[in-house]
Amino acid sequence: MGQIHTIGIPRGLMAYRSGVLWKAFFEELGLSCVISPKSDRQILEKGTKRAADETCLPFKLYLGHVESLLGECDAIFVPRMGGYRPKEKMCTRYEALPDLVKNIFRNQHPNILTVSYDWYDHTDEAKVYLSLGAALGRSKSESKKAYGAARKKMDQWMKAKEKKQNILLEGDGLKILAAGHPYVLHDPFMGGEISRLLGKMGATVVFTDYVNREKALKRSYHFSKVMPWIINREMTGAVMLLRERVDGIVLLSAYPCGPDSLVNDMLVRKVKEIPMLSLTLDAQSGAAGMETRVESFMDIIRYQKAGGYGNH
């Protein structure tokens, strides 16, 4: 692979879930990290030109982030993520991600650094990072030490998010739970704009991915015993844990996500006791045009909290 000093990390997909861990691991090994810019219309247009029409919005954005890193680093980190356990797997796009990126950018000859999280190999996270360190020419002891420090930093980051969110949930005012994949919830071009709108309308926004992952995963089995996708499991488990602590739920999905089309419909059918708004973002408009629907949703919640028809 040649000498690597700088690692590029596309600001998309699982970077919103595991990016803190990735960056810390590389830096603990003495490498520099370059993070692609925040998503915008230009990055989407770059990715859309590279992708097939039926590709989901997050993947189109991801390709735009990869393109923005070409020539800016020695290697671009694109992990292959199948999952850790047979019952809790990833969308197949993650399993093929390095191959897709290599093929789509084959004329640019990108230097792709990858590693596999594959449940069928009976792997675990520590082994994954030891193999990643070996690919970078580091010894087992160096990689083990770097992973331990990075894991600690990731855990601290997650606990800080959980603590802050619990404080918000104990506060006054309307609380809205934004439910979805982390890269939809927090990407500025997608869920970030919806959160901004909700905040502008006076809501405190909390997120399904800032709930303890193991607790959410365990709780998800009360919702479905057979659902295979781990991110959707974490999301639905968090909804189950928080639904009594919020005033409304906004389900955010990106077109055309197959797992979300099934899971979000199940949530709408099963969770009846709280107002729920389902929004699907697409490559044509992103979050544009959603303001009227969000305003109406907030009006409904305020009306219900005021007593609804019982007050008139």
Protein backbone atom coordinates (compact mmCIF):
# COMPACT_ATOMS: atom_id res chain seq x y z
CA MET A 1 0.00 0.00 0.00
CA GLY A 2 2.97 2.29 0.38
CA GLN A 3 3.85 4.69 3.15
CA ILE A 4 0.76 6.29 4.70
CA HIS A 5 0.91 9.45 6.78
CA THR A 6 -2.52 10.98 6.22
CA ILE A 7 -5.88 9.18 6.33
CA GLY A 8 -8.98 10.63 4.70
CA ILE A 9 -12.33 9.98 6.40
CA PRO A 10 -15.47 10.65 4.32
CA ARG A 11 -18.00 12.54 6.46
CA GLY A 12 -20.87 10.20 5.73
CA LEU A 13 -22.58 6.89 6.54
CA MET A 14 -21.02 5.20 9.60
CA ALA A 15 -18.64 8.07 10.28
CA TYR A 16 -21.58 9.57 12.18
CA ARG A 17 -21.67 6.48 14.41
CA SER A 18 -18.03 5.41 14.70
CA GLY A 19 -16.02 8.37 13.39
CA VAL A 20 -14.71 9.37 16.81
CA LEU A 21 -13.26 5.87 17.23
CA TRP A 22 -11.70 5.81 13.75
CA LYS A 23 -10.07 9.22 14.07
CA ALA A 24 -8.74 8.53 17.57
CA PHE A 25 -7.28 5.16 16.49
CA PHE A 26 -5.38 6.64 13.55
CA GLU A 27 -4.12 9.56 15.61
CA GLU A 28 -2.97 7.23 18.40
CA LEU A 29 -0.84 5.49 15.75
CA GLY A 30 0.75 8.83 14.86
CA LEU A 31 -1.21 9.43 11.65
CA SER A 32 -3.00 12.61 10.58
CA CYS A 33 -6.67 12.59 9.62
CA VAL A 34 -8.40 14.68 6.98
CA ILE A 35 -12.19 14.84 7.34
CA SER A 36 -14.18 15.78 4.26
CA PRO A 37 -16.26 19.02 4.44
CA LYS A 38 -19.82 19.10 5.74
CA SER A 39 -22.47 17.96 3.28
CA ASP A 40 -23.98 20.53 0.96
CA ARG A 41 -25.62 20.68 -2.45
CA GLN A 42 -22.24 20.67 -4.24
CA ILE A 43 -21.09 17.47 -2.53
CA LEU A 44 -24.44 15.84 -3.34
CA GLU A 45 -24.13 16.82 -7.01
CA LYS A 46 -20.64 15.29 -7.17
CA GLY A 47 -21.90 12.04 -5.67
CA THR A 48 -25.05 11.93 -7.78
CA LYS A 49 -22.97 12.03 -10.97
CA ARG A 50 -21.12 8.92 -9.74
CA ALA A 51 -24.13 6.90 -8.57
CA ALA A 52 -26.91 4.93 -10.21
CA ASP A 53 -30.29 6.69 -10.10
CA GLU A 54 -31.86 4.25 -7.63
CA THR A 55 -29.03 4.70 -5.10
CA CYS A 56 -30.06 6.06 -1.70
CA LEU A 57 -29.40 9.70 -0.80
CA PRO A 58 -26.82 8.93 1.96
CA PHE A 59 -24.74 6.84 -0.46
CA LYS A 60 -24.82 9.58 -3.09
CA LEU A 61 -23.57 12.03 -0.46
CA TYR A 62 -20.91 9.54 0.62
CA LEU A 63 -19.53 9.33 -2.92
CA GLY A 64 -19.35 13.12 -2.99
CA HIS A 65 -17.35 13.04 0.24
CA VAL A 66 -14.97 10.43 -1.19
CA GLU A 67 -14.42 12.56 -4.29
CA SER A 68 -13.64 15.61 -2.15
CA LEU A 69 -10.81 13.65 -0.48
CA LEU A 70 -9.08 12.51 -3.68
CA GLY A 71 -5.59 13.98 -3.74
CA GLU A 72 -5.95 15.33 -0.19
CA CYS A 73 -4.58 12.29 1.68
CA ASP A 74 -2.43 9.18 1.28
CA ALA A 75 -5.37 6.77 1.73
CA ILE A 76 -9.14 6.97 2.21
CA PHE A 77 -10.63 4.82 4.98
CA VAL A 78 -13.64 2.86 3.70
CA PRO A 79 -14.53 -0.02 6.06
CA ARG A 80 -16.53 -3.09 5.07
CA MET A 81 -19.22 -3.48 7.73
CA GLY A 82 -21.30 -6.65 7.89
CA GLY A 83 -21.93 -6.59 11.64
CA TYR A 84 -20.76 -8.51 14.70
CA ARG A 85 -23.59 -10.95 15.34
CA PRO A 86 -25.74 -13.11 13.01
CA LYS A 87 -29.01 -11.58 14.23
CA GLU A 88 -27.81 -7.98 13.97
CA LYS A 89 -26.39 -7.20 10.55
CA MET A 90 -25.86 -4.15 8.40
CA CYS A 91 -27.49 -3.14 5.13
CA THR A 92 -25.77 -4.99 2.27
CA ARG A 93 -24.46 -1.70 0.87
CA TYR A 94 -22.05 -1.48 3.81
CA GLU A 95 -20.74 -4.96 3.12
CA ALA A 96 -19.90 -3.97 -0.46
CA LEU A 97 -18.78 -0.40 0.28
CA PRO A 98 -15.00 -0.71 -0.42
CA ASP A 99 -15.67 -2.62 -3.65
CA LEU A 100 -18.25 -0.08 -4.77
CA VAL A 101 -15.94 2.85 -4.06
CA LYS A 102 -12.97 1.22 -5.80
CA ASN A 103 -15.05 0.45 -8.87
CA ILE A 104 -16.80 3.82 -9.09
CA PHE A 105 -13.51 5.74 -8.75
CA ARG A 106 -11.37 3.26 -10.68
CA ASN A 107 -10.19 5.90 -13.16
CA GLN A 108 -8.80 7.98 -10.27
CA HIS A 109 -6.97 4.96 -8.79
CA PRO A 110 -7.88 5.78 -5.17
CA ASN A 111 -5.78 4.27 -2.39
CA ILE A 112 -8.50 2.65 -0.27
CA LEU A 113 -7.68 1.51 3.26
CA THR A 114 -10.28 -0.98 4.42
CA VAL A 115 -11.03 -3.50 7.13
CA SER A 116 -13.90 -5.97 7.61
CA TYR A 117 -16.45 -6.13 10.41
CA ASP A 118 -17.90 -9.50 9.40
CA TRP A 119 -20.21 -11.47 11.69
CA TYR A 120 -19.66 -14.68 9.70
CA ASP A 121 -15.94 -14.59 10.59
CA HIS A 122 -16.85 -14.56 14.31
CA THR A 123 -14.89 -11.34 14.63
CA ASP A 124 -14.96 -8.71 17.34
CA GLU A 125 -14.02 -5.05 17.36
CA ALA A 126 -10.59 -5.51 18.96
CA LYS A 127 -9.56 -8.01 16.25
CA VAL A 128 -10.76 -5.62 13.56
CA TYR A 129 -8.49 -2.86 14.81
CA LEU A 130 -5.52 -5.16 15.28
CA SER A 131 -5.82 -6.14 11.62
CA LEU A 132 -6.20 -2.49 10.64
CA GLY A 133 -3.03 -1.62 12.55
CA ALA A 134 -1.20 -4.49 10.83
CA ALA A 135 -2.30 -3.15 7.42
CA LEU A 136 -0.67 0.13 8.42
CA GLY A 137 2.58 -1.59 9.36
CA ARG A 138 2.13 -1.32 13.13
CA SER A 139 2.95 -4.03 15.64
CA LYS A 140 0.29 -5.90 17.58
CA SER A 141 1.21 -4.11 20.81
CA GLU A 142 1.06 -0.68 19.13
CA SER A 143 -2.32 -1.44 17.59
CA LYS A 144 -3.72 -2.86 20.84
CA LYS A 145 -2.63 0.21 22.78
CA ALA A 146 -4.05 2.56 20.12
CA TYR A 147 -7.36 0.70 20.04
CA GLY A 148 -7.67 0.77 23.84
CA ALA A 149 -7.13 4.55 23.93
CA ALA A 150 -9.48 5.12 21.00
CA ARG A 151 -12.19 2.93 22.51
CA LYS A 152 -11.95 4.88 25.75
CA LYS A 153 -12.29 8.18 23.89
CA MET A 154 -15.29 6.86 21.98
CA ASP A 155 -16.98 5.66 25.17
CA GLN A 156 -16.38 9.02 26.86
CA TRP A 157 -17.84 10.85 23.87
CA MET A 158 -20.93 8.63 23.88
CA LYS A 159 -21.46 8.95 27.63
CA ALA A 160 -21.21 12.73 27.34
CA LYS A 161 -23.92 12.71 24.64
CA GLU A 162 -26.14 10.44 26.75
CA LYS A 163 -25.69 12.63 29.85
CA LYS A 164 -26.44 15.86 28.01
CA GLN A 165 -29.51 14.33 26.41
CA ASN A 166 -30.85 13.09 29.76
CA ILE A 167 -30.53 16.63 31.12
CA LEU A 168 -32.51 17.94 28.13
CA LEU A 169 -35.20 15.31 28.69
CA GLU A 170 -35.62 16.47 32.29
CA GLY A 171 -36.04 20.09 31.19
CA ASP A 172 -39.18 22.09 30.42
CA GLY A 173 -40.79 22.76 27.07
CA LEU A 174 -41.74 20.62 24.10
CA LYS A 175 -39.41 17.71 23.42
CA ILE A 176 -39.24 16.04 20.03
CA LEU A 177 -37.41 12.75 19.40
CA ALA A 178 -35.65 12.63 16.03
CA ALA A 179 -35.50 8.95 15.07
CA GLY A 180 -33.37 7.56 12.27
CA HIS A 181 -29.92 6.49 11.15
CA PRO A 182 -27.14 8.67 12.65
CA TYR A 183 -25.95 9.79 9.20
CA VAL A 184 -29.48 11.00 8.40
CA LEU A 185 -30.12 12.65 11.76
CA HIS A 186 -26.90 14.64 11.92
CA ASP A 187 -25.91 15.28 8.30
CA PRO A 188 -26.38 19.05 7.69
CA PHE A 189 -28.05 18.42 4.32
CA MET A 190 -30.55 15.95 5.76
CA GLY A 191 -31.68 15.71 9.38
CA GLY A 192 -29.57 18.65 10.50
CA GLU A 193 -31.93 20.98 8.66
CA ILE A 194 -35.00 19.34 10.23
CA SER A 195 -33.50 19.71 13.72
CA ARG A 196 -32.84 23.37 12.98
CA LEU A 197 -36.47 23.86 11.94
CA LEU A 198 -37.76 22.14 15.09
CA GLY A 199 -35.49 24.26 17.25
CA LYS A 200 -36.66 27.42 15.48
CA MET A 201 -40.23 26.42 16.37
CA GLY A 202 -39.38 26.13 20.05
CA ALA A 203 -38.76 22.40 20.41
CA THR A 204 -35.93 20.68 22.26
CA VAL A 205 -34.66 17.97 19.93
CA VAL A 206 -33.24 14.68 21.22
CA PHE A 207 -31.90 11.80 19.14
CA THR A 208 -32.28 8.03 19.05
CA ASP A 209 -28.54 7.50 18.54
CA TYR A 210 -27.67 9.33 21.78
CA VAL A 211 -29.28 6.55 23.82
CA ASN A 212 -27.11 3.78 25.30
CA ARG A 213 -26.67 1.38 22.38
CA GLU A 214 -26.73 -1.86 24.36
CA LYS A 215 -29.91 -0.85 26.21
CA ALA A 216 -31.56 0.20 22.96
CA LEU A 217 -30.51 -3.02 21.23
CA LYS A 218 -31.91 -5.14 24.08
CA ARG A 219 -35.16 -3.17 24.13
CA SER A 220 -35.59 -3.56 20.36
CA TYR A 221 -36.41 -7.25 20.82
CA HIS A 222 -39.67 -6.20 22.48
CA PHE A 223 -40.49 -4.51 19.18
CA SER A 224 -39.36 -7.29 16.81
CA LYS A 225 -37.56 -10.58 17.34
CA VAL A 226 -36.61 -11.05 13.67
CA MET A 227 -35.55 -7.61 12.37
CA PRO A 228 -31.97 -8.10 11.08
CA TRP A 229 -30.56 -4.56 10.78
CA ILE A 230 -28.58 -3.39 13.80
CA ILE A 231 -28.96 0.36 13.14
CA ASN A 232 -32.73 0.02 12.85
CA ARG A 233 -32.69 -2.09 16.01
CA GLU A 234 -30.84 0.63 17.92
CA MET A 235 -33.27 3.21 16.56
CA THR A 236 -36.46 1.30 17.41
CA GLY A 237 -35.14 0.33 20.84
CA ALA A 238 -34.40 3.99 21.58
CA VAL A 239 -37.94 4.94 20.49
CA MET A 240 -39.34 2.36 22.90
CA LEU A 241 -37.17 3.68 25.73
CA LEU A 242 -37.91 7.38 25.16
CA ARG A 243 -41.47 7.52 23.85
CA GLU A 244 -42.94 8.33 27.27
CA ARG A 245 -40.41 11.13 27.85
CA VAL A 246 -41.08 13.17 24.70
CA ASP A 247 -44.08 14.98 23.22
CA GLY A 248 -43.65 13.81 19.64
CA ILE A 249 -41.50 11.72 17.32
CA VAL A 250 -40.15 12.63 13.89
CA LEU A 251 -39.12 9.59 11.85
CA LEU A 252 -36.43 10.62 9.38
CA SER A 253 -35.53 8.44 6.43
CA ALA A 254 -33.65 8.94 3.17
CA TYR A 255 -35.16 7.74 -0.10
CA PRO A 256 -35.14 4.88 -1.08
CA CYS A 257 -33.97 3.09 2.09
CA GLY A 258 -35.41 -0.45 2.09
CA PRO A 259 -34.95 -1.23 5.81
CA ASP A 260 -36.50 2.11 6.82
CA SER A 261 -39.51 1.63 4.53
CA LEU A 262 -40.37 -1.52 6.50
CA VAL A 263 -39.33 -0.52 10.01
CA ASN A 264 -40.79 3.00 10.01
CA ASP A 265 -44.15 1.66 8.82
CA MET A 266 -44.08 -0.83 11.70
CA LEU A 267 -43.33 1.98 14.15
CA VAL A 268 -46.21 4.12 12.88
CA ARG A 269 -48.56 1.13 13.29
CA LYS A 270 -47.33 0.07 16.74
CA VAL A 271 -46.67 3.39 18.51
CA LYS A 272 -50.12 4.96 18.76
CA GLU A 273 -49.99 6.94 21.99
CA ILE A 274 -47.81 9.82 20.76
CA PRO A 275 -47.89 12.12 17.69
CA MET A 276 -45.53 10.87 15.02
CA LEU A 277 -44.40 12.48 11.77
CA SER A 278 -42.66 10.41 9.07
CA LEU A 279 -40.43 12.38 6.69
CA THR A 280 -38.57 10.97 3.69
CA LEU A 281 -35.72 13.06 2.31
CA ASP A 282 -34.65 12.73 -1.31
CA ALA A 283 -31.82 13.88 -3.56
CA GLN A 284 -33.96 16.42 -5.38
CA SER A 285 -35.04 18.51 -2.43
CA GLY A 286 -33.21 17.26 0.68
CA ALA A 287 -34.99 18.91 3.62
CA ALA A 288 -36.38 21.74 1.47
CA GLY A 289 -40.16 21.99 1.44
CA MET A 290 -40.53 20.21 4.79
CA GLU A 291 -41.19 23.38 6.81
CA THR A 292 -44.99 23.35 6.34
CA ARG A 293 -45.26 19.71 7.45
CA VAL A 294 -43.07 20.33 10.50
CA GLU A 295 -45.09 23.43 11.43
CA SER A 296 -48.36 21.49 11.19
CA PHE A 297 -46.91 18.69 13.32
CA MET A 298 -45.85 21.16 16.02
CA ASP A 299 -49.30 22.81 15.94
CA ILE A 300 -50.95 19.41 16.49
CA ILE A 301 -48.71 18.68 19.49
CA ARG A 302 -49.38 22.09 21.07
CA TYR A 303 -53.11 21.66 20.49
CA GLN A 304 -53.12 18.24 22.15
CA LYS A 305 -51.09 19.47 25.12
CA ALA A 306 -53.58 22.31 25.56
CA GLY A 307 -56.36 19.75 25.90
CA GLY A 308 -57.48 19.41 22.30
CA TYR A 309 -61.23 19.54 21.70
CA GLY A 310 -61.81 19.19 25.43
CA ASN A 311 -60.87 22.84 25.98
CA HIS A 312 -63.40 24.23 23.48
